[in-house]
Amino acid sequence: MAKNFILTESYTKVENLNKMDSTNGATLADRVIKLSEECGEVSQAYLKSCVLGSKSAEHSSILEECCDVINVALDIIAELKTTDEEAKEMFERKLNKWESKASTIKEYV
């Protein structure tokens, strides 16, 4: 499943990059600001695709920016010294919460 790839392989790569480049000077605050910037770029990619009306460009650009968001989020998680198990448990908890909300919404529609 994709979530296992994101939480295991990608997290390990980000964690290893952090160990190799521990002198990059980026603070937790820097990383959180970068995450916000990347989220803005997802919005920009979406709005640009709406103007251009290109489905293939929309998919590629939005996907690229979403991957940047995930990578920065994983960088923050690694900076917090989160274990794989902690990250997996939190991710599952959040997925379950989203699933529960989706089920509730479907009941009222």
PDB file of N, CA and C in Angstrom:
ATOM      1  N   MET A   1       0.830  -1.191   0.000  1.00  0.00           N
ATOM      2  CA  MET A   1       0.000   0.000   0.000  1.00  0.00           C
ATOM      3  C   MET A   1       0.867   1.244   0.000  1.00  0.00           C
ATOM      4  N   ALA A   2       0.332   2.329  -0.523  1.00  0.00           N
ATOM      5  CA  ALA A   2       1.075   3.577  -0.613  1.00  0.00           C
ATOM      6  C   ALA A   2       1.462   4.109   0.766  1.00  0.00           C
ATOM      7  N   LYS A   3       0.570   3.973   1.733  1.00  0.00           N
ATOM      8  CA  LYS A   3       0.874   4.533   3.045  1.00  0.00           C
ATOM      9  C   LYS A   3       2.098   3.861   3.679  1.00  0.00           C
ATOM     10  N   ASN A   4       2.296   2.565   3.420  1.00  0.00           N
ATOM     11  CA  ASN A   4       3.477   1.904   3.947  1.00  0.00           C
ATOM     12  C   ASN A   4       4.742   2.442   3.301  1.00  0.00           C
ATOM     13  N   PHE A   5       4.676   2.707   2.002  1.00  0.00           N
ATOM     14  CA  PHE A   5       5.832   3.285   1.316  1.00  0.00           C
ATOM     15  C   PHE A   5       6.152   4.648   1.923  1.00  0.00           C
ATOM     16  N   ILE A   6       5.143   5.472   2.080  1.00  0.00           N
ATOM     17  CA  ILE A   6       5.357   6.822   2.588  1.00  0.00           C
ATOM     18  C   ILE A   6       5.927   6.777   4.001  1.00  0.00           C
ATOM     19  N   LEU A   7       5.381   5.930   4.835  1.00  0.00           N
ATOM     20  CA  LEU A   7       5.807   5.929   6.228  1.00  0.00           C
ATOM     21  C   LEU A   7       7.095   5.165   6.482  1.00  0.00           C
ATOM     22  N   THR A   8       7.467   4.284   5.629  1.00  0.00           N
ATOM     23  CA  THR A   8       8.657   3.485   5.891  1.00  0.00           C
ATOM     24  C   THR A   8       9.821   3.900   5.012  1.00  0.00           C
ATOM     25  N   GLU A   9       9.723   3.653   3.721  1.00  0.00           N
ATOM     26  CA  GLU A   9      10.841   3.928   2.824  1.00  0.00           C
ATOM     27  C   GLU A   9      11.166   5.416   2.730  1.00  0.00           C
ATOM     28  N   SER A  10      10.157   6.243   2.516  1.00  0.00           N
ATOM     29  CA  SER A  10      10.402   7.677   2.381  1.00  0.00           C
ATOM     30  C   SER A  10      10.891   8.275   3.689  1.00  0.00           C
ATOM     31  N   TYR A  11      10.269   7.885   4.789  1.00  0.00           N
ATOM     32  CA  TYR A  11      10.679   8.412   6.087  1.00  0.00           C
ATOM     33  C   TYR A  11      12.129   8.054   6.369  1.00  0.00           C
ATOM     34  N   THR A  12      12.512   6.839   6.060  1.00  0.00           N
ATOM     35  CA  THR A  12      13.895   6.403   6.279  1.00  0.00           C
ATOM     36  C   THR A  12      14.856   7.221   5.431  1.00  0.00           C
ATOM     37  N   LYS A  13      14.494   7.482   4.184  1.00  0.00           N
ATOM     38  CA  LYS A  13      15.347   8.306   3.318  1.00  0.00           C
ATOM     39  C   LYS A  13      15.502   9.718   3.882  1.00  0.00           C
ATOM     40  N   VAL A  14      14.403  10.317   4.313  1.00  0.00           N
ATOM     41  CA  VAL A  14      14.457  11.670   4.875  1.00  0.00           C
ATOM     42  C   VAL A  14      15.295  11.677   6.143  1.00  0.00           C
ATOM     43  N   GLU A  15      15.090  10.681   6.982  1.00  0.00           N
ATOM     44  CA  GLU A  15      15.851  10.577   8.225  1.00  0.00           C
ATOM     45  C   GLU A  15      17.349  10.455   7.928  1.00  0.00           C
ATOM     46  N   ASN A  16      17.713   9.650   6.941  1.00  0.00           N
ATOM     47  CA  ASN A  16      19.118   9.498   6.559  1.00  0.00           C
ATOM     48  C   ASN A  16      19.686  10.786   5.986  1.00  0.00           C
ATOM     49  N   LEU A  17      18.896  11.499   5.203  1.00  0.00           N
ATOM     50  CA  LEU A  17      19.353  12.789   4.679  1.00  0.00           C
ATOM     51  C   LEU A  17      19.611  13.768   5.813  1.00  0.00           C
ATOM     52  N   ASN A  18      18.733  13.761   6.812  1.00  0.00           N
ATOM     53  CA  ASN A  18      18.933  14.640   7.964  1.00  0.00           C
ATOM     54  C   ASN A  18      20.225  14.308   8.696  1.00  0.00           C
ATOM     55  N   LYS A  19      20.549  13.028   8.826  1.00  0.00           N
ATOM     56  CA  LYS A  19      21.783  12.618   9.497  1.00  0.00           C
ATOM     57  C   LYS A  19      23.009  13.044   8.700  1.00  0.00           C
ATOM     58  N   MET A  20      22.932  12.914   7.364  1.00  0.00           N
ATOM     59  CA  MET A  20      24.066  13.276   6.517  1.00  0.00           C
ATOM     60  C   MET A  20      24.290  14.778   6.489  1.00  0.00           C
ATOM     61  N   ASP A  21      23.214  15.556   6.581  1.00  0.00           N
ATOM     62  CA  ASP A  21      23.311  17.004   6.460  1.00  0.00           C
ATOM     63  C   ASP A  21      22.821  17.677   7.739  1.00  0.00           C
ATOM     64  N   SER A  22      23.413  17.286   8.844  1.00  0.00           N
ATOM     65  CA  SER A  22      22.972  17.824  10.131  1.00  0.00           C
ATOM     66  C   SER A  22      23.393  19.278  10.323  1.00  0.00           C
ATOM     67  N   THR A  23      24.200  19.806   9.430  1.00  0.00           N
ATOM     68  CA  THR A  23      24.660  21.192   9.562  1.00  0.00           C
ATOM     69  C   THR A  23      23.894  22.138   8.657  1.00  0.00           C
ATOM     70  N   ASN A  24      22.768  21.699   8.092  1.00  0.00           N
ATOM     71  CA  ASN A  24      22.039  22.566   7.161  1.00  0.00           C
ATOM     72  C   ASN A  24      21.440  23.790   7.841  1.00  0.00           C
ATOM     73  N   GLY A  25      21.356  23.781   9.144  1.00  0.00           N
ATOM     74  CA  GLY A  25      20.919  24.959   9.886  1.00  0.00           C
ATOM     75  C   GLY A  25      19.421  25.196   9.898  1.00  0.00           C
ATOM     76  N   ALA A  26      18.641  24.362   9.246  1.00  0.00           N
ATOM     77  CA  ALA A  26      17.198  24.567   9.223  1.00  0.00           C
ATOM     78  C   ALA A  26      16.603  24.183  10.577  1.00  0.00           C
ATOM     79  N   THR A  27      15.932  25.117  11.177  1.00  0.00           N
ATOM     80  CA  THR A  27      15.271  24.865  12.458  1.00  0.00           C
ATOM     81  C   THR A  27      13.895  24.247  12.212  1.00  0.00           C
ATOM     82  N   LEU A  28      13.264  23.807  13.281  1.00  0.00           N
ATOM     83  CA  LEU A  28      11.906  23.289  13.167  1.00  0.00           C
ATOM     84  C   LEU A  28      10.985  24.374  12.606  1.00  0.00           C
ATOM     85  N   ALA A  29      11.161  25.598  13.062  1.00  0.00           N
ATOM     86  CA  ALA A  29      10.349  26.715  12.553  1.00  0.00           C
ATOM     87  C   ALA A  29      10.558  26.898  11.052  1.00  0.00           C
ATOM     88  N   ASP A  30      11.818  26.803  10.599  1.00  0.00           N
ATOM     89  CA  ASP A  30      12.109  26.903   9.164  1.00  0.00           C
ATOM     90  C   ASP A  30      11.363  25.832   8.381  1.00  0.00           C
ATOM     91  N   ARG A  31      11.355  24.633   8.930  1.00  0.00           N
ATOM     92  CA  ARG A  31      10.706  23.511   8.244  1.00  0.00           C
ATOM     93  C   ARG A  31       9.187  23.695   8.193  1.00  0.00           C
ATOM     94  N   VAL A  32       8.606  24.191   9.274  1.00  0.00           N
ATOM     95  CA  VAL A  32       7.159  24.414   9.298  1.00  0.00           C
ATOM     96  C   VAL A  32       6.780  25.512   8.300  1.00  0.00           C
ATOM     97  N   ILE A  33       7.573  26.544   8.218  1.00  0.00           N
ATOM     98  CA  ILE A  33       7.325  27.609   7.241  1.00  0.00           C
ATOM     99  C   ILE A  33       7.457  27.058   5.823  1.00  0.00           C
ATOM    100  N   LYS A  34       8.447  26.205   5.595  1.00  0.00           N
ATOM    101  CA  LYS A  34       8.626  25.579   4.286  1.00  0.00           C
ATOM    102  C   LYS A  34       7.416  24.724   3.932  1.00  0.00           C
ATOM    103  N   LEU A  35       6.855  24.030   4.908  1.00  0.00           N
ATOM    104  CA  LEU A  35       5.659  23.217   4.669  1.00  0.00           C
ATOM    105  C   LEU A  35       4.504  24.103   4.202  1.00  0.00           C
ATOM    106  N   SER A  36       4.333  25.230   4.850  1.00  0.00           N
ATOM    107  CA  SER A  36       3.283  26.162   4.461  1.00  0.00           C
ATOM    108  C   SER A  36       3.512  26.672   3.034  1.00  0.00           C
ATOM    109  N   GLU A  37       4.748  26.958   2.707  1.00  0.00           N
ATOM    110  CA  GLU A  37       5.094  27.406   1.355  1.00  0.00           C
ATOM    111  C   GLU A  37       4.741  26.335   0.320  1.00  0.00           C
ATOM    112  N   GLU A  38       5.078  25.092   0.618  1.00  0.00           N
ATOM    113  CA  GLU A  38       4.793  23.999  -0.307  1.00  0.00           C
ATOM    114  C   GLU A  38       3.288  23.792  -0.471  1.00  0.00           C
ATOM    115  N   CYS A  39       2.523  23.956   0.604  1.00  0.00           N
ATOM    116  CA  CYS A  39       1.061  23.855   0.500  1.00  0.00           C
ATOM    117  C   CYS A  39       0.521  24.938  -0.429  1.00  0.00           C
ATOM    118  N   GLY A  40       1.088  26.127  -0.338  1.00  0.00           N
ATOM    119  CA  GLY A  40       0.699  27.207  -1.237  1.00  0.00           C
ATOM    120  C   GLY A  40       0.993  26.866  -2.690  1.00  0.00           C
ATOM    121  N   GLU A  41       2.083  26.144  -2.914  1.00  0.00           N
ATOM    122  CA  GLU A  41       2.439  25.753  -4.277  1.00  0.00           C
ATOM    123  C   GLU A  41       1.466  24.712  -4.841  1.00  0.00           C
ATOM    124  N   VAL A  42       0.882  23.880  -3.978  1.00  0.00           N
ATOM    125  CA  VAL A  42      -0.164  22.957  -4.427  1.00  0.00           C
ATOM    126  C   VAL A  42      -1.355  23.780  -4.924  1.00  0.00           C
ATOM    127  N   SER A  43      -1.736  24.784  -4.157  1.00  0.00           N
ATOM    128  CA  SER A  43      -2.855  25.652  -4.557  1.00  0.00           C
ATOM    129  C   SER A  43      -2.558  26.358  -5.871  1.00  0.00           C
ATOM    130  N   GLN A  44      -1.335  26.862  -6.013  1.00  0.00           N
ATOM    131  CA  GLN A  44      -0.952  27.537  -7.254  1.00  0.00           C
ATOM    132  C   GLN A  44      -1.035  26.590  -8.446  1.00  0.00           C
ATOM    133  N   ALA A  45      -0.559  25.371  -8.274  1.00  0.00           N
ATOM    134  CA  ALA A  45      -0.600  24.386  -9.366  1.00  0.00           C
ATOM    135  C   ALA A  45      -2.046  24.091  -9.760  1.00  0.00           C
ATOM    136  N   TYR A  46      -2.906  23.976  -8.769  1.00  0.00           N
ATOM    137  CA  TYR A  46      -4.316  23.716  -9.054  1.00  0.00           C
ATOM    138  C   TYR A  46      -4.941  24.890  -9.805  1.00  0.00           C
ATOM    139  N   LEU A  47      -4.720  26.094  -9.305  1.00  0.00           N
ATOM    140  CA  LEU A  47      -5.302  27.274  -9.954  1.00  0.00           C
ATOM    141  C   LEU A  47      -4.765  27.448 -11.370  1.00  0.00           C
ATOM    142  N   LYS A  48      -3.491  27.190 -11.564  1.00  0.00           N
ATOM    143  CA  LYS A  48      -2.901  27.283 -12.901  1.00  0.00           C
ATOM    144  C   LYS A  48      -3.554  26.270 -13.832  1.00  0.00           C
ATOM    145  N   SER A  49      -3.799  25.075 -13.332  1.00  0.00           N
ATOM    146  CA  SER A  49      -4.425  24.050 -14.171  1.00  0.00           C
ATOM    147  C   SER A  49      -5.858  24.438 -14.537  1.00  0.00           C
ATOM    148  N   CYS A  50      -6.533  25.136 -13.640  1.00  0.00           N
ATOM    149  CA  CYS A  50      -7.897  25.588 -13.934  1.00  0.00           C
ATOM    150  C   CYS A  50      -7.890  26.603 -15.069  1.00  0.00           C
ATOM    151  N   VAL A  51      -6.904  27.477 -15.063  1.00  0.00           N
ATOM    152  CA  VAL A  51      -6.790  28.495 -16.099  1.00  0.00           C
ATOM    153  C   VAL A  51      -6.408  27.866 -17.433  1.00  0.00           C
ATOM    154  N   LEU A  52      -5.450  26.919 -17.395  1.00  0.00           N
ATOM    155  CA  LEU A  52      -4.968  26.297 -18.627  1.00  0.00           C
ATOM    156  C   LEU A  52      -5.900  25.208 -19.139  1.00  0.00           C
ATOM    157  N   GLY A  53      -6.628  24.575 -18.228  1.00  0.00           N
ATOM    158  CA  GLY A  53      -7.561  23.521 -18.612  1.00  0.00           C
ATOM    159  C   GLY A  53      -6.904  22.249 -19.113  1.00  0.00           C
ATOM    160  N   SER A  54      -5.669  22.007 -18.719  1.00  0.00           N
ATOM    161  CA  SER A  54      -4.953  20.817 -19.182  1.00  0.00           C
ATOM    162  C   SER A  54      -4.972  19.749 -18.103  1.00  0.00           C
ATOM    163  N   LYS A  55      -5.606  18.623 -18.400  1.00  0.00           N
ATOM    164  CA  LYS A  55      -5.706  17.543 -17.412  1.00  0.00           C
ATOM    165  C   LYS A  55      -4.352  16.910 -17.108  1.00  0.00           C
ATOM    166  N   SER A  56      -3.520  16.681 -18.132  1.00  0.00           N
ATOM    167  CA  SER A  56      -2.224  16.028 -17.886  1.00  0.00           C
ATOM    168  C   SER A  56      -1.290  16.953 -17.123  1.00  0.00           C
ATOM    169  N   ALA A  57      -1.297  18.234 -17.473  1.00  0.00           N
ATOM    170  CA  ALA A  57      -0.466  19.199 -16.752  1.00  0.00           C
ATOM    171  C   ALA A  57      -0.966  19.335 -15.318  1.00  0.00           C
ATOM    172  N   GLU A  58      -2.288  19.323 -15.157  1.00  0.00           N
ATOM    173  CA  GLU A  58      -2.886  19.431 -13.824  1.00  0.00           C
ATOM    174  C   GLU A  58      -2.410  18.287 -12.940  1.00  0.00           C
ATOM    175  N   HIS A  59      -2.514  17.089 -13.437  1.00  0.00           N
ATOM    176  CA  HIS A  59      -2.133  15.916 -12.656  1.00  0.00           C
ATOM    177  C   HIS A  59      -0.660  15.967 -12.290  1.00  0.00           C
ATOM    178  N   SER A  60       0.188  16.199 -13.253  1.00  0.00           N
ATOM    179  CA  SER A  60       1.633  16.179 -13.040  1.00  0.00           C
ATOM    180  C   SER A  60       2.082  17.264 -12.067  1.00  0.00           C
ATOM    181  N   SER A  61       1.624  18.459 -12.273  1.00  0.00           N
ATOM    182  CA  SER A  61       2.045  19.588 -11.449  1.00  0.00           C
ATOM    183  C   SER A  61       1.522  19.472 -10.018  1.00  0.00           C
ATOM    184  N   ILE A  62       0.264  19.115  -9.888  1.00  0.00           N
ATOM    185  CA  ILE A  62      -0.317  18.974  -8.551  1.00  0.00           C
ATOM    186  C   ILE A  62       0.343  17.817  -7.813  1.00  0.00           C
ATOM    187  N   LEU A  63       0.556  16.706  -8.510  1.00  0.00           N
ATOM    188  CA  LEU A  63       1.236  15.558  -7.899  1.00  0.00           C
ATOM    189  C   LEU A  63       2.635  15.944  -7.429  1.00  0.00           C
ATOM    190  N   GLU A  64       3.356  16.654  -8.269  1.00  0.00           N
ATOM    191  CA  GLU A  64       4.717  17.082  -7.911  1.00  0.00           C
ATOM    192  C   GLU A  64       4.713  17.925  -6.636  1.00  0.00           C
ATOM    193  N   GLU A  65       3.806  18.870  -6.564  1.00  0.00           N
ATOM    194  CA  GLU A  65       3.747  19.744  -5.389  1.00  0.00           C
ATOM    195  C   GLU A  65       3.268  18.986  -4.149  1.00  0.00           C
ATOM    196  N   CYS A  66       2.346  18.053  -4.325  1.00  0.00           N
ATOM    197  CA  CYS A  66       1.904  17.243  -3.180  1.00  0.00           C
ATOM    198  C   CYS A  66       3.056  16.396  -2.641  1.00  0.00           C
ATOM    199  N   CYS A  67       3.887  15.879  -3.533  1.00  0.00           N
ATOM    200  CA  CYS A  67       5.056  15.109  -3.089  1.00  0.00           C
ATOM    201  C   CYS A  67       6.023  15.986  -2.309  1.00  0.00           C
ATOM    202  N   ASP A  68       6.173  17.250  -2.725  1.00  0.00           N
ATOM    203  CA  ASP A  68       7.007  18.177  -1.958  1.00  0.00           C
ATOM    204  C   ASP A  68       6.439  18.382  -0.553  1.00  0.00           C
ATOM    205  N   VAL A  69       5.113  18.509  -0.456  1.00  0.00           N
ATOM    206  CA  VAL A  69       4.461  18.658   0.848  1.00  0.00           C
ATOM    207  C   VAL A  69       4.754  17.445   1.721  1.00  0.00           C
ATOM    208  N   ILE A  70       4.605  16.261   1.150  1.00  0.00           N
ATOM    209  CA  ILE A  70       4.855  15.026   1.909  1.00  0.00           C
ATOM    210  C   ILE A  70       6.303  14.964   2.363  1.00  0.00           C
ATOM    211  N   ASN A  71       7.234  15.301   1.467  1.00  0.00           N
ATOM    212  CA  ASN A  71       8.654  15.253   1.829  1.00  0.00           C
ATOM    213  C   ASN A  71       8.999  16.226   2.950  1.00  0.00           C
ATOM    214  N   VAL A  72       8.443  17.428   2.896  1.00  0.00           N
ATOM    215  CA  VAL A  72       8.719  18.399   3.959  1.00  0.00           C
ATOM    216  C   VAL A  72       8.068  17.937   5.269  1.00  0.00           C
ATOM    217  N   ALA A  73       6.861  17.386   5.186  1.00  0.00           N
ATOM    218  CA  ALA A  73       6.200  16.870   6.388  1.00  0.00           C
ATOM    219  C   ALA A  73       7.016  15.729   6.994  1.00  0.00           C
ATOM    220  N   LEU A  74       7.537  14.852   6.154  1.00  0.00           N
ATOM    221  CA  LEU A  74       8.384  13.765   6.655  1.00  0.00           C
ATOM    222  C   LEU A  74       9.666  14.310   7.271  1.00  0.00           C
ATOM    223  N   ASP A  75      10.184  15.375   6.697  1.00  0.00           N
ATOM    224  CA  ASP A  75      11.374  16.016   7.260  1.00  0.00           C
ATOM    225  C   ASP A  75      11.077  16.542   8.667  1.00  0.00           C
ATOM    226  N   ILE A  76       9.913  17.134   8.838  1.00  0.00           N
ATOM    227  CA  ILE A  76       9.516  17.626  10.165  1.00  0.00           C
ATOM    228  C   ILE A  76       9.366  16.458  11.133  1.00  0.00           C
ATOM    229  N   ILE A  77       8.710  15.403  10.678  1.00  0.00           N
ATOM    230  CA  ILE A  77       8.531  14.220  11.528  1.00  0.00           C
ATOM    231  C   ILE A  77       9.883  13.656  11.943  1.00  0.00           C
ATOM    232  N   ALA A  78      10.829  13.598  11.016  1.00  0.00           N
ATOM    233  CA  ALA A  78      12.175  13.104  11.333  1.00  0.00           C
ATOM    234  C   ALA A  78      12.882  14.039  12.303  1.00  0.00           C
ATOM    235  N   GLU A  79      12.718  15.341  12.107  1.00  0.00           N
ATOM    236  CA  GLU A  79      13.349  16.327  12.993  1.00  0.00           C
ATOM    237  C   GLU A  79      12.821  16.182  14.424  1.00  0.00           C
ATOM    238  N   LEU A  80      11.580  15.763  14.560  1.00  0.00           N
ATOM    239  CA  LEU A  80      10.990  15.562  15.883  1.00  0.00           C
ATOM    240  C   LEU A  80      11.456  14.251  16.529  1.00  0.00           C
ATOM    241  N   LYS A  81      12.339  13.530  15.828  1.00  0.00           N
ATOM    242  CA  LYS A  81      12.893  12.252  16.318  1.00  0.00           C
ATOM    243  C   LYS A  81      11.786  11.230  16.555  1.00  0.00           C
ATOM    244  N   THR A  82      10.803  11.247  15.656  1.00  0.00           N
ATOM    245  CA  THR A  82       9.685  10.326  15.736  1.00  0.00           C
ATOM    246  C   THR A  82      10.115   8.956  15.228  1.00  0.00           C
ATOM    247  N   THR A  83       9.760   7.917  15.941  1.00  0.00           N
ATOM    248  CA  THR A  83      10.086   6.566  15.483  1.00  0.00           C
ATOM    249  C   THR A  83       9.113   6.161  14.374  1.00  0.00           C
ATOM    250  N   ASP A  84       9.514   5.151  13.611  1.00  0.00           N
ATOM    251  CA  ASP A  84       8.634   4.627  12.569  1.00  0.00           C
ATOM    252  C   ASP A  84       7.301   4.190  13.171  1.00  0.00           C
ATOM    253  N   GLU A  85       7.372   3.524  14.314  1.00  0.00           N
ATOM    254  CA  GLU A  85       6.150   3.021  14.957  1.00  0.00           C
ATOM    255  C   GLU A  85       5.246   4.179  15.401  1.00  0.00           C
ATOM    256  N   GLU A  86       5.824   5.212  15.996  1.00  0.00           N
ATOM    257  CA  GLU A  86       5.024   6.377  16.399  1.00  0.00           C
ATOM    258  C   GLU A  86       4.339   7.014  15.197  1.00  0.00           C
ATOM    259  N   ALA A  87       5.102   7.174  14.113  1.00  0.00           N
ATOM    260  CA  ALA A  87       4.546   7.786  12.908  1.00  0.00           C
ATOM    261  C   ALA A  87       3.433   6.928  12.331  1.00  0.00           C
ATOM    262  N   LYS A  88       3.658   5.628  12.291  1.00  0.00           N
ATOM    263  CA  LYS A  88       2.648   4.714  11.749  1.00  0.00           C
ATOM    264  C   LYS A  88       1.378   4.753  12.592  1.00  0.00           C
ATOM    265  N   GLU A  89       1.525   4.719  13.914  1.00  0.00           N
ATOM    266  CA  GLU A  89       0.356   4.758  14.797  1.00  0.00           C
ATOM    267  C   GLU A  89      -0.439   6.044  14.611  1.00  0.00           C
ATOM    268  N   MET A  90       0.272   7.179  14.525  1.00  0.00           N
ATOM    269  CA  MET A  90      -0.414   8.462  14.348  1.00  0.00           C
ATOM    270  C   MET A  90      -1.095   8.530  12.993  1.00  0.00           C
ATOM    271  N   PHE A  91      -0.392   8.062  11.973  1.00  0.00           N
ATOM    272  CA  PHE A  91      -0.964   8.067  10.629  1.00  0.00           C
ATOM    273  C   PHE A  91      -2.234   7.222  10.587  1.00  0.00           C
ATOM    274  N   GLU A  92      -2.189   6.043  11.179  1.00  0.00           N
ATOM    275  CA  GLU A  92      -3.369   5.168  11.217  1.00  0.00           C
ATOM    276  C   GLU A  92      -4.509   5.829  11.999  1.00  0.00           C
ATOM    277  N   ARG A  93      -4.182   6.463  13.113  1.00  0.00           N
ATOM    278  CA  ARG A  93      -5.197   7.136  13.923  1.00  0.00           C
ATOM    279  C   ARG A  93      -5.882   8.240  13.107  1.00  0.00           C
ATOM    280  N   LYS A  94      -5.065   9.009  12.372  1.00  0.00           N
ATOM    281  CA  LYS A  94      -5.616  10.098  11.570  1.00  0.00           C
ATOM    282  C   LYS A  94      -6.431   9.557  10.400  1.00  0.00           C
ATOM    283  N   LEU A  95      -5.966   8.475   9.774  1.00  0.00           N
ATOM    284  CA  LEU A  95      -6.737   7.865   8.685  1.00  0.00           C
ATOM    285  C   LEU A  95      -8.082   7.367   9.199  1.00  0.00           C
ATOM    286  N   ASN A  96      -8.070   6.747  10.372  1.00  0.00           N
ATOM    287  CA  ASN A  96      -9.319   6.265  10.966  1.00  0.00           C
ATOM    288  C   ASN A  96     -10.271   7.411  11.254  1.00  0.00           C
ATOM    289  N   LYS A  97      -9.739   8.527  11.705  1.00  0.00           N
ATOM    290  CA  LYS A  97     -10.562   9.705  11.990  1.00  0.00           C
ATOM    291  C   LYS A  97     -11.196  10.224  10.695  1.00  0.00           C
ATOM    292  N   TRP A  98     -10.396  10.313   9.627  1.00  0.00           N
ATOM    293  CA  TRP A  98     -10.915  10.764   8.332  1.00  0.00           C
ATOM    294  C   TRP A  98     -11.986   9.795   7.831  1.00  0.00           C
ATOM    295  N   GLU A  99     -11.724   8.499   7.993  1.00  0.00           N
ATOM    296  CA  GLU A  99     -12.670   7.492   7.550  1.00  0.00           C
ATOM    297  C   GLU A  99     -13.986   7.619   8.317  1.00  0.00           C
ATOM    298  N   SER A 100     -13.893   7.854   9.608  1.00  0.00           N
ATOM    299  CA  SER A 100     -15.078   8.013  10.438  1.00  0.00           C
ATOM    300  C   SER A 100     -15.884   9.238  10.003  1.00  0.00           C
ATOM    301  N   LYS A 101     -15.191  10.332   9.732  1.00  0.00           N
ATOM    302  CA  LYS A 101     -15.883  11.544   9.272  1.00  0.00           C
ATOM    303  C   LYS A 101     -16.554  11.305   7.932  1.00  0.00           C
ATOM    304  N   ALA A 102     -15.869  10.613   7.036  1.00  0.00           N
ATOM    305  CA  ALA A 102     -16.439  10.325   5.716  1.00  0.00           C
ATOM    306  C   ALA A 102     -17.684   9.463   5.848  1.00  0.00           C
ATOM    307  N   SER A 103     -17.658   8.491   6.746  1.00  0.00           N
ATOM    308  CA  SER A 103     -18.819   7.625   6.968  1.00  0.00           C
ATOM    309  C   SER A 103     -19.987   8.424   7.513  1.00  0.00           C
ATOM    310  N   THR A 104     -19.717   9.330   8.425  1.00  0.00           N
ATOM    311  CA  THR A 104     -20.760  10.167   9.015  1.00  0.00           C
ATOM    312  C   THR A 104     -21.388  11.065   7.963  1.00  0.00           C
ATOM    313  N   ILE A 105     -20.566  11.642   7.110  1.00  0.00           N
ATOM    314  CA  ILE A 105     -21.074  12.517   6.060  1.00  0.00           C
ATOM    315  C   ILE A 105     -21.948  11.739   5.093  1.00  0.00           C
ATOM    316  N   LYS A 106     -21.546  10.525   4.733  1.00  0.00           N
ATOM    317  CA  LYS A 106     -22.319   9.707   3.804  1.00  0.00           C
ATOM    318  C   LYS A 106     -23.673   9.332   4.383  1.00  0.00           C
ATOM    319  N   GLU A 107     -23.763   9.182   5.694  1.00  0.00           N
ATOM    320  CA  GLU A 107     -25.031   8.837   6.330  1.00  0.00           C
ATOM    321  C   GLU A 107     -26.059   9.946   6.166  1.00  0.00           C
ATOM    322  N   TYR A 108     -25.581  11.198   6.119  1.00  0.00           N
ATOM    323  CA  TYR A 108     -26.504  12.331   6.042  1.00  0.00           C
ATOM    324  C   TYR A 108     -26.755  12.789   4.628  1.00  0.00           C
ATOM    325  N   VAL A 109     -26.091  12.211   3.665  1.00  0.00           N
ATOM    326  CA  VAL A 109     -26.270  12.654   2.271  1.00  0.00           C
ATOM    327  C   VAL A 109     -27.315  11.831   1.585  1.00  0.00           C
TER     328      VAL A 109
END
